[in-house]
Amino acid sequence: MEQLTSKEEEVMQVIWELERALVRDIMNKLPNSGQPYTTVASIVRILERKGFVSHKPYGKTHEYFPLISKAEYRRSKFKGLLSQYFDNSIESVVSFLVKEEKVRPEELEELSKLIARENNRDTKDQKNDQKNDQKNDQKNDQKNDQKNDQKNDQKNDQKNDQKNDQK
C-alpha cells in the first residue's frame, strides 16, 4: 500500500471521520483550516489517484468517501514501521515503548491481559478449525465409502449378470 504524506494523512483522517464528505466539509474539519479550497481539492484528487478515496458526482460537486479503511492503513503503516525501525521484532517495539514512552505498570498489565485474551482466542480458533477439519474429513470418508460401496455393488452386479448370461 502506498504511504501518504502528512498533508494527505491529515485529509484522510477527516474523510475517515466523516465517512462521506465534500471538499468544503473537509476544509471545515481540518485543524489548519486556512488552506485554500484548491489545495484541499488537489490533495483529495491525489488521494483518489492513489486509490484511497473515490467520489460520487452531484453535478459539479463531488462527494468523497474512503476506499481504504483506517484499520487497513494503520496495519500497513505499522508493518512498515516495525520492519524499518524494529527489525520486525515486537519485543523491540515493547522495549522501546517501555524505555522511551515511560509506560506505566498498569498499562503493561493491560497489555499482558490483552495478549492472554488474544492467545486464548487464537487457541479457540485453532480448536474450532481442527474440529471443522475432522468433521470435513469424516464427511469425505463417508462419501468415499459410499462411492466405493456403489462401485463394488456395480462390479458385483456385472459379475452376476455375466454368470447369468453364461448359463
N, C-alpha and C. Protein backbone atom coordinates (compact mmCIF):
# COMPACT_ATOMS: atom_id res chain seq x y z
N MET A 1 0.86 -1.18 0.00
CA MET A 1 0.00 0.00 0.00
C MET A 1 0.90 1.24 0.00
N GLU A 2 0.52 2.18 -0.81
CA GLU A 2 1.29 3.41 -0.92
C GLU A 2 1.14 4.23 0.36
N GLN A 3 2.25 4.81 0.83
CA GLN A 3 2.21 5.64 2.02
C GLN A 3 1.77 7.05 1.65
N LEU A 4 1.24 7.75 2.62
CA LEU A 4 0.73 9.09 2.40
C LEU A 4 1.66 10.14 3.01
N THR A 5 1.63 11.33 2.43
CA THR A 5 2.36 12.44 3.03
C THR A 5 1.59 12.89 4.27
N SER A 6 2.18 13.74 5.08
CA SER A 6 1.50 14.19 6.30
C SER A 6 0.22 14.97 5.96
N LYS A 7 0.24 15.78 4.90
CA LYS A 7 -0.97 16.52 4.50
C LYS A 7 -2.05 15.57 4.00
N GLU A 8 -1.65 14.56 3.23
CA GLU A 8 -2.62 13.58 2.74
C GLU A 8 -3.22 12.80 3.91
N GLU A 9 -2.39 12.45 4.89
CA GLU A 9 -2.91 11.74 6.08
C GLU A 9 -3.89 12.62 6.84
N GLU A 10 -3.57 13.89 6.95
CA GLU A 10 -4.45 14.82 7.66
C GLU A 10 -5.83 14.87 6.99
N VAL A 11 -5.85 14.96 5.68
CA VAL A 11 -7.12 14.98 4.94
C VAL A 11 -7.82 13.62 5.07
N MET A 12 -7.05 12.56 4.98
CA MET A 12 -7.62 11.21 5.07
C MET A 12 -8.27 10.99 6.43
N GLN A 13 -7.65 11.51 7.50
CA GLN A 13 -8.23 11.39 8.85
C GLN A 13 -9.63 12.01 8.89
N VAL A 14 -9.78 13.14 8.24
CA VAL A 14 -11.08 13.81 8.20
C VAL A 14 -12.08 12.98 7.40
N ILE A 15 -11.65 12.44 6.27
CA ILE A 15 -12.56 11.63 5.44
C ILE A 15 -12.98 10.38 6.20
N TRP A 16 -12.06 9.75 6.91
CA TRP A 16 -12.42 8.57 7.72
C TRP A 16 -13.44 8.96 8.79
N GLU A 17 -13.23 10.11 9.40
CA GLU A 17 -14.14 10.56 10.46
C GLU A 17 -15.53 10.86 9.91
N LEU A 18 -15.59 11.57 8.78
CA LEU A 18 -16.88 11.97 8.21
C LEU A 18 -17.55 10.87 7.40
N GLU A 19 -16.77 9.93 6.90
CA GLU A 19 -17.21 8.80 6.06
C GLU A 19 -17.61 9.23 4.65
N ARG A 20 -18.28 10.33 4.49
CA ARG A 20 -18.63 10.91 3.18
C ARG A 20 -18.50 12.41 3.34
N ALA A 21 -17.80 13.06 2.38
CA ALA A 21 -17.57 14.48 2.58
C ALA A 21 -17.32 15.21 1.26
N LEU A 22 -17.79 16.44 1.22
CA LEU A 22 -17.46 17.35 0.14
C LEU A 22 -16.14 18.04 0.54
N VAL A 23 -15.48 18.66 -0.41
CA VAL A 23 -14.22 19.34 -0.10
C VAL A 23 -14.46 20.40 0.98
N ARG A 24 -15.58 21.11 0.91
CA ARG A 24 -15.90 22.13 1.93
C ARG A 24 -16.01 21.50 3.32
N ASP A 25 -16.62 20.31 3.41
CA ASP A 25 -16.73 19.62 4.70
C ASP A 25 -15.35 19.31 5.25
N ILE A 26 -14.47 18.85 4.37
CA ILE A 26 -13.11 18.51 4.79
C ILE A 26 -12.40 19.76 5.28
N MET A 27 -12.54 20.84 4.53
CA MET A 27 -11.90 22.11 4.93
C MET A 27 -12.37 22.56 6.31
N ASN A 28 -13.66 22.41 6.58
CA ASN A 28 -14.21 22.84 7.88
C ASN A 28 -13.69 22.02 9.04
N LYS A 29 -13.29 20.78 8.77
CA LYS A 29 -12.82 19.87 9.83
C LYS A 29 -11.30 19.90 10.01
N LEU A 30 -10.59 20.40 9.02
CA LEU A 30 -9.13 20.40 9.11
C LEU A 30 -8.66 21.35 10.21
N PRO A 31 -7.66 20.92 11.00
CA PRO A 31 -7.14 21.78 12.07
C PRO A 31 -6.59 23.10 11.52
N ASN A 32 -5.87 23.06 10.40
CA ASN A 32 -5.32 24.27 9.79
C ASN A 32 -6.25 24.70 8.66
N SER A 33 -7.39 25.23 9.02
CA SER A 33 -8.42 25.50 8.02
C SER A 33 -8.09 26.70 7.12
N GLY A 34 -6.90 27.24 7.22
CA GLY A 34 -6.54 28.37 6.39
C GLY A 34 -6.10 27.98 4.99
N GLN A 35 -6.13 26.68 4.69
CA GLN A 35 -5.70 26.22 3.37
C GLN A 35 -6.74 26.58 2.32
N PRO A 36 -6.27 26.99 1.15
CA PRO A 36 -7.23 27.31 0.08
C PRO A 36 -7.99 26.07 -0.40
N TYR A 37 -9.18 26.32 -0.91
CA TYR A 37 -10.03 25.26 -1.43
C TYR A 37 -9.27 24.43 -2.47
N THR A 38 -8.55 25.11 -3.36
CA THR A 38 -7.85 24.40 -4.44
C THR A 38 -6.78 23.45 -3.91
N THR A 39 -6.13 23.82 -2.82
CA THR A 39 -5.10 22.96 -2.22
C THR A 39 -5.74 21.69 -1.66
N VAL A 40 -6.82 21.84 -0.91
CA VAL A 40 -7.51 20.68 -0.33
C VAL A 40 -8.08 19.81 -1.45
N ALA A 41 -8.67 20.43 -2.46
CA ALA A 41 -9.21 19.68 -3.59
C ALA A 41 -8.11 18.90 -4.30
N SER A 42 -6.94 19.50 -4.44
CA SER A 42 -5.80 18.80 -5.08
C SER A 42 -5.37 17.61 -4.26
N ILE A 43 -5.31 17.77 -2.95
CA ILE A 43 -4.92 16.65 -2.07
C ILE A 43 -5.94 15.52 -2.19
N VAL A 44 -7.21 15.86 -2.23
CA VAL A 44 -8.25 14.83 -2.35
C VAL A 44 -8.12 14.09 -3.68
N ARG A 45 -7.84 14.82 -4.76
CA ARG A 45 -7.66 14.17 -6.07
C ARG A 45 -6.43 13.25 -6.05
N ILE A 46 -5.37 13.65 -5.34
CA ILE A 46 -4.19 12.79 -5.21
C ILE A 46 -4.57 11.52 -4.45
N LEU A 47 -5.35 11.68 -3.38
CA LEU A 47 -5.80 10.51 -2.61
C LEU A 47 -6.63 9.58 -3.49
N GLU A 48 -7.44 10.18 -4.37
CA GLU A 48 -8.24 9.37 -5.28
C GLU A 48 -7.34 8.63 -6.27
N ARG A 49 -6.35 9.32 -6.81
CA ARG A 49 -5.42 8.70 -7.75
C ARG A 49 -4.63 7.55 -7.08
N LYS A 50 -4.32 7.72 -5.80
CA LYS A 50 -3.59 6.69 -5.06
C LYS A 50 -4.50 5.53 -4.63
N GLY A 51 -5.80 5.67 -4.85
CA GLY A 51 -6.73 4.59 -4.54
C GLY A 51 -7.26 4.60 -3.12
N PHE A 52 -7.11 5.71 -2.41
CA PHE A 52 -7.59 5.78 -1.02
C PHE A 52 -9.03 6.25 -0.93
N VAL A 53 -9.47 7.05 -1.89
CA VAL A 53 -10.85 7.54 -1.88
C VAL A 53 -11.43 7.43 -3.29
N SER A 54 -12.74 7.51 -3.33
CA SER A 54 -13.45 7.62 -4.60
C SER A 54 -14.49 8.71 -4.41
N HIS A 55 -15.27 8.96 -5.44
CA HIS A 55 -16.27 10.01 -5.30
C HIS A 55 -17.56 9.66 -6.03
N LYS A 56 -18.59 10.35 -5.61
CA LYS A 56 -19.87 10.26 -6.28
C LYS A 56 -20.19 11.69 -6.75
N PRO A 57 -20.37 11.86 -8.06
CA PRO A 57 -20.62 13.21 -8.55
C PRO A 57 -22.07 13.66 -8.34
N TYR A 58 -22.20 14.93 -8.00
CA TYR A 58 -23.51 15.60 -7.91
C TYR A 58 -23.37 16.88 -8.72
N GLY A 59 -23.56 16.79 -10.01
CA GLY A 59 -23.31 17.94 -10.88
C GLY A 59 -21.83 18.24 -10.88
N LYS A 60 -21.48 19.46 -10.53
CA LYS A 60 -20.06 19.85 -10.49
C LYS A 60 -19.41 19.52 -9.14
N THR A 61 -20.22 19.13 -8.18
CA THR A 61 -19.73 18.82 -6.84
C THR A 61 -19.47 17.32 -6.72
N HIS A 62 -18.45 16.98 -5.93
CA HIS A 62 -18.13 15.57 -5.69
C HIS A 62 -18.19 15.26 -4.20
N GLU A 63 -18.82 14.15 -3.89
CA GLU A 63 -18.83 13.65 -2.51
C GLU A 63 -17.80 12.54 -2.44
N TYR A 64 -16.83 12.68 -1.56
CA TYR A 64 -15.74 11.72 -1.45
C TYR A 64 -15.98 10.76 -0.30
N PHE A 65 -15.51 9.52 -0.49
CA PHE A 65 -15.64 8.50 0.55
C PHE A 65 -14.41 7.60 0.50
N PRO A 66 -14.03 7.02 1.64
CA PRO A 66 -12.80 6.21 1.69
C PRO A 66 -12.99 4.85 1.02
N LEU A 67 -11.95 4.40 0.34
CA LEU A 67 -11.89 3.04 -0.20
C LEU A 67 -11.02 2.15 0.68
N ILE A 68 -10.09 2.77 1.39
CA ILE A 68 -9.20 2.07 2.31
C ILE A 68 -9.63 2.45 3.71
N SER A 69 -9.86 1.46 4.56
CA SER A 69 -10.28 1.76 5.93
C SER A 69 -9.09 2.25 6.75
N LYS A 70 -9.41 2.94 7.81
CA LYS A 70 -8.37 3.44 8.71
C LYS A 70 -7.58 2.26 9.30
N ALA A 71 -8.28 1.18 9.61
CA ALA A 71 -7.62 -0.01 10.17
C ALA A 71 -6.64 -0.62 9.16
N GLU A 72 -7.03 -0.68 7.88
CA GLU A 72 -6.14 -1.22 6.85
C GLU A 72 -4.88 -0.36 6.73
N TYR A 73 -5.06 0.95 6.73
CA TYR A 73 -3.92 1.85 6.61
C TYR A 73 -3.02 1.75 7.84
N ARG A 74 -3.64 1.69 9.01
CA ARG A 74 -2.87 1.57 10.26
C ARG A 74 -2.03 0.30 10.24
N ARG A 75 -2.65 -0.80 9.81
CA ARG A 75 -1.94 -2.08 9.75
C ARG A 75 -0.73 -1.98 8.82
N SER A 76 -0.94 -1.39 7.65
CA SER A 76 0.14 -1.24 6.68
C SER A 76 1.24 -0.33 7.21
N LYS A 77 0.84 0.77 7.79
CA LYS A 77 1.79 1.74 8.33
C LYS A 77 2.61 1.10 9.46
N PHE A 78 1.94 0.35 10.33
CA PHE A 78 2.64 -0.27 11.45
C PHE A 78 3.62 -1.34 10.96
N LYS A 79 3.20 -2.13 9.97
CA LYS A 79 4.10 -3.14 9.42
C LYS A 79 5.36 -2.49 8.87
N GLY A 80 5.21 -1.35 8.20
CA GLY A 80 6.36 -0.62 7.67
C GLY A 80 7.25 -0.12 8.79
N LEU A 81 6.65 0.45 9.82
CA LEU A 81 7.39 0.94 10.98
C LEU A 81 8.12 -0.20 11.67
N LEU A 82 7.42 -1.31 11.86
CA LEU A 82 8.00 -2.49 12.50
C LEU A 82 9.20 -3.01 11.71
N SER A 83 9.04 -3.05 10.41
CA SER A 83 10.10 -3.55 9.53
C SER A 83 11.29 -2.59 9.47
N GLN A 84 11.01 -1.31 9.25
CA GLN A 84 12.08 -0.34 9.03
C GLN A 84 12.85 0.03 10.29
N TYR A 85 12.18 0.08 11.42
CA TYR A 85 12.82 0.60 12.62
C TYR A 85 13.01 -0.42 13.75
N PHE A 86 12.34 -1.56 13.67
CA PHE A 86 12.40 -2.52 14.77
C PHE A 86 12.75 -3.94 14.31
N ASP A 87 13.25 -4.08 13.10
CA ASP A 87 13.66 -5.39 12.55
C ASP A 87 12.59 -6.45 12.72
N ASN A 88 11.33 -6.07 12.54
CA ASN A 88 10.19 -6.98 12.64
C ASN A 88 10.08 -7.65 14.01
N SER A 89 10.56 -6.98 15.04
CA SER A 89 10.54 -7.55 16.40
C SER A 89 9.54 -6.80 17.28
N ILE A 90 8.49 -7.49 17.67
CA ILE A 90 7.51 -6.91 18.59
C ILE A 90 8.18 -6.63 19.93
N GLU A 91 9.08 -7.51 20.32
CA GLU A 91 9.81 -7.31 21.58
C GLU A 91 10.55 -5.97 21.56
N SER A 92 11.16 -5.63 20.42
CA SER A 92 11.86 -4.35 20.31
C SER A 92 10.90 -3.18 20.43
N VAL A 93 9.70 -3.32 19.85
CA VAL A 93 8.70 -2.26 19.95
C VAL A 93 8.30 -2.05 21.41
N VAL A 94 7.98 -3.14 22.10
CA VAL A 94 7.55 -3.04 23.50
C VAL A 94 8.69 -2.48 24.35
N SER A 95 9.90 -2.95 24.10
CA SER A 95 11.06 -2.45 24.84
C SER A 95 11.22 -0.94 24.62
N PHE A 96 11.07 -0.50 23.37
CA PHE A 96 11.15 0.92 23.06
C PHE A 96 10.09 1.70 23.82
N LEU A 97 8.86 1.19 23.80
CA LEU A 97 7.76 1.88 24.47
C LEU A 97 8.01 1.98 25.98
N VAL A 98 8.52 0.92 26.57
CA VAL A 98 8.78 0.92 28.00
C VAL A 98 9.88 1.92 28.33
N LYS A 99 10.95 1.92 27.55
CA LYS A 99 12.10 2.80 27.83
C LYS A 99 11.81 4.25 27.47
N GLU A 100 11.28 4.48 26.28
CA GLU A 100 11.15 5.84 25.76
C GLU A 100 9.85 6.54 26.14
N GLU A 101 8.80 5.78 26.25
CA GLU A 101 7.50 6.39 26.47
C GLU A 101 7.04 6.27 27.92
N LYS A 102 7.87 5.70 28.76
CA LYS A 102 7.57 5.58 30.19
C LYS A 102 6.20 4.95 30.43
N VAL A 103 6.05 3.74 29.92
CA VAL A 103 4.81 3.00 30.07
C VAL A 103 4.58 2.71 31.55
N ARG A 104 3.37 2.96 32.00
CA ARG A 104 3.02 2.73 33.40
C ARG A 104 2.78 1.24 33.64
N PRO A 105 3.03 0.76 34.86
CA PRO A 105 2.81 -0.67 35.17
C PRO A 105 1.39 -1.13 34.86
N GLU A 106 0.40 -0.25 35.05
CA GLU A 106 -0.99 -0.63 34.76
C GLU A 106 -1.17 -0.90 33.27
N GLU A 107 -0.48 -0.11 32.45
CA GLU A 107 -0.58 -0.29 31.00
C GLU A 107 0.07 -1.61 30.59
N LEU A 108 1.20 -1.95 31.23
CA LEU A 108 1.85 -3.23 30.94
C LEU A 108 0.95 -4.39 31.35
N GLU A 109 0.26 -4.23 32.48
CA GLU A 109 -0.67 -5.26 32.95
C GLU A 109 -1.81 -5.44 31.94
N GLU A 110 -2.35 -4.33 31.44
CA GLU A 110 -3.40 -4.39 30.43
C GLU A 110 -2.90 -5.05 29.15
N LEU A 111 -1.68 -4.72 28.77
CA LEU A 111 -1.08 -5.32 27.59
C LEU A 111 -0.94 -6.83 27.78
N SER A 112 -0.51 -7.22 28.95
CA SER A 112 -0.37 -8.65 29.25
C SER A 112 -1.72 -9.36 29.18
N LYS A 113 -2.77 -8.73 29.72
CA LYS A 113 -4.11 -9.31 29.66
C LYS A 113 -4.59 -9.42 28.21
N LEU A 114 -4.31 -8.38 27.43
CA LEU A 114 -4.70 -8.39 26.03
C LEU A 114 -4.03 -9.54 25.28
N ILE A 115 -2.75 -9.74 25.53
CA ILE A 115 -2.01 -10.83 24.89
C ILE A 115 -2.61 -12.17 25.30
N ALA A 116 -2.93 -12.32 26.58
CA ALA A 116 -3.53 -13.57 27.05
C ALA A 116 -4.88 -13.82 26.38
N ARG A 117 -5.71 -12.76 26.28
CA ARG A 117 -7.03 -12.91 25.63
C ARG A 117 -6.87 -13.31 24.17
N GLU A 118 -5.94 -12.65 23.47
CA GLU A 118 -5.71 -12.96 22.05
C GLU A 118 -5.21 -14.39 21.88
N ASN A 119 -4.31 -14.82 22.77
CA ASN A 119 -3.79 -16.19 22.69
C ASN A 119 -4.90 -17.20 22.93
N ASN A 120 -5.78 -16.89 23.90
CA ASN A 120 -6.92 -17.79 24.16
C ASN A 120 -7.85 -17.85 22.96
N ARG A 121 -8.08 -16.68 22.35
CA ARG A 121 -8.95 -16.65 21.18
C ARG A 121 -8.32 -17.43 20.03
N ASP A 122 -7.00 -17.25 19.84
CA ASP A 122 -6.30 -17.98 18.78
C ASP A 122 -6.38 -19.48 19.03
N THR A 123 -6.22 -19.88 20.30
CA THR A 123 -6.29 -21.30 20.65
C THR A 123 -7.69 -21.84 20.36
N LYS A 124 -8.72 -21.06 20.73
CA LYS A 124 -10.10 -21.48 20.45
C LYS A 124 -10.33 -21.59 18.94
N ASP A 125 -9.81 -20.62 18.21
CA ASP A 125 -9.96 -20.65 16.75
C ASP A 125 -9.28 -21.88 16.17
N GLN A 126 -8.08 -22.20 16.69
CA GLN A 126 -7.37 -23.38 16.21
C GLN A 126 -8.15 -24.65 16.52
N LYS A 127 -8.72 -24.72 17.72
CA LYS A 127 -9.50 -25.90 18.11
C LYS A 127 -10.73 -26.02 17.21
N ASN A 128 -11.39 -24.89 16.95
CA ASN A 128 -12.55 -24.91 16.06
C ASN A 128 -12.14 -25.34 14.66
N ASP A 129 -11.00 -24.85 14.19
CA ASP A 129 -10.50 -25.25 12.87
C ASP A 129 -10.24 -26.75 12.84
N GLN A 130 -9.64 -27.27 13.92
CA GLN A 130 -9.36 -28.71 13.98
C GLN A 130 -10.66 -29.51 13.98
N LYS A 131 -11.65 -29.06 14.75
CA LYS A 131 -12.94 -29.74 14.77
C LYS A 131 -13.58 -29.74 13.39
N ASN A 132 -13.54 -28.57 12.75
CA ASN A 132 -14.12 -28.47 11.41
C ASN A 132 -13.38 -29.37 10.43
N ASP A 133 -12.05 -29.43 10.55
CA ASP A 133 -11.26 -30.30 9.68
C ASP A 133 -11.64 -31.76 9.91
N GLN A 134 -11.82 -32.14 11.19
CA GLN A 134 -12.20 -33.52 11.50
C GLN A 134 -13.58 -33.83 10.92
N LYS A 135 -14.50 -32.91 11.08
CA LYS A 135 -15.85 -33.12 10.54
C LYS A 135 -15.79 -33.27 9.02
N ASN A 136 -15.01 -32.39 8.38
CA ASN A 136 -14.89 -32.47 6.93
C ASN A 136 -14.24 -33.79 6.51
N ASP A 137 -13.22 -34.21 7.25
CA ASP A 137 -12.57 -35.49 6.95
C ASP A 137 -13.56 -36.64 7.08
N GLN A 138 -14.38 -36.61 8.14
CA GLN A 138 -15.37 -37.66 8.34
C GLN A 138 -16.39 -37.67 7.20
N LYS A 139 -16.84 -36.49 6.80
CA LYS A 139 -17.80 -36.41 5.69
C LYS A 139 -17.18 -36.94 4.41
N ASN A 140 -15.93 -36.56 4.17
CA ASN A 140 -15.25 -37.04 2.96
C ASN A 140 -15.05 -38.54 3.01
N ASP A 141 -14.70 -39.06 4.20
CA ASP A 141 -14.54 -40.51 4.33
C ASP A 141 -15.86 -41.22 4.05
N GLN A 142 -16.96 -40.67 4.58
CA GLN A 142 -18.27 -41.28 4.35
C GLN A 142 -18.63 -41.26 2.86
N LYS A 143 -18.36 -40.13 2.22
CA LYS A 143 -18.65 -40.03 0.78
C LYS A 143 -17.82 -41.04 0.01
N ASN A 144 -16.54 -41.13 0.35
CA ASN A 144 -15.66 -42.08 -0.34
C ASN A 144 -16.12 -43.51 -0.10
N ASP A 145 -16.53 -43.81 1.14
CA ASP A 145 -17.02 -45.15 1.45
C ASP A 145 -18.27 -45.46 0.62
N GLN A 146 -19.16 -44.47 0.52
CA GLN A 146 -20.38 -44.67 -0.27
C GLN A 146 -20.05 -44.90 -1.74
N LYS A 147 -19.11 -44.14 -2.26
CA LYS A 147 -18.71 -44.31 -3.66
C LYS A 147 -18.10 -45.69 -3.88
N ASN A 148 -17.23 -46.08 -2.95
CA ASN A 148 -16.61 -47.40 -3.08
C ASN A 148 -17.65 -48.50 -2.99
N ASP A 149 -18.61 -48.34 -2.07
CA ASP A 149 -19.68 -49.33 -1.95
C ASP A 149 -20.48 -49.42 -3.25
N GLN A 150 -20.77 -48.27 -3.84
CA GLN A 150 -21.51 -48.25 -5.10
C GLN A 150 -20.72 -48.93 -6.21
N LYS A 151 -19.43 -48.66 -6.27
CA LYS A 151 -18.59 -49.28 -7.29
C LYS A 151 -18.55 -50.79 -7.10
N ASN A 152 -18.39 -51.21 -5.85
CA ASN A 152 -18.35 -52.64 -5.57
C ASN A 152 -19.68 -53.30 -5.92
N ASP A 153 -20.77 -52.62 -5.60
CA ASP A 153 -22.09 -53.15 -5.94
C ASP A 153 -22.24 -53.29 -7.46
N GLN A 154 -21.77 -52.29 -8.19
CA GLN A 154 -21.85 -52.33 -9.65
C GLN A 154 -21.01 -53.49 -10.20
N LYS A 155 -19.82 -53.68 -9.66
CA LYS A 155 -18.95 -54.77 -10.11
C LYS A 155 -19.61 -56.12 -9.83
N ASN A 156 -20.16 -56.24 -8.64
CA ASN A 156 -20.83 -57.49 -8.28
C ASN A 156 -22.04 -57.75 -9.19
N ASP A 157 -22.79 -56.69 -9.47
CA ASP A 157 -23.94 -56.82 -10.37
C ASP A 157 -23.48 -57.27 -11.75
N GLN A 158 -22.37 -56.70 -12.23
CA GLN A 158 -21.85 -57.06 -13.55
C GLN A 158 -21.41 -58.53 -13.56
N LYS A 159 -20.74 -58.96 -12.51
CA LYS A 159 -20.30 -60.36 -12.43
C LYS A 159 -21.51 -61.29 -12.42
N ASN A 160 -22.51 -60.93 -11.63
CA ASN A 160 -23.71 -61.76 -11.57
C ASN A 160 -24.41 -61.81 -12.93
N ASP A 161 -24.46 -60.68 -13.61
CA ASP A 161 -25.07 -60.65 -14.94
C ASP A 161 -24.30 -61.54 -15.91
N GLN A 162 -22.97 -61.50 -15.82
CA GLN A 162 -22.14 -62.33 -16.71
C GLN A 162 -22.38 -63.81 -16.42
N LYS A 163 -22.47 -64.15 -15.14
CA LYS A 163 -22.72 -65.56 -14.77
C LYS A 163 -24.08 -66.00 -15.29
N ASN A 164 -25.06 -65.16 -15.14
CA ASN A 164 -26.41 -65.48 -15.61
C ASN A 164 -26.43 -65.62 -17.12
N ASP A 165 -25.65 -64.78 -17.81
CA ASP A 165 -25.59 -64.85 -19.27
C ASP A 165 -24.93 -66.15 -19.72
N GLN A 166 -23.95 -66.62 -18.97
CA GLN A 166 -23.23 -67.85 -19.34
C GLN A 166 -24.12 -69.08 -19.15
N LYS A 167 -25.05 -69.04 -18.28
CA LYS A 167 -25.92 -70.20 -18.04
C LYS A 167 -26.87 -70.30 -19.13
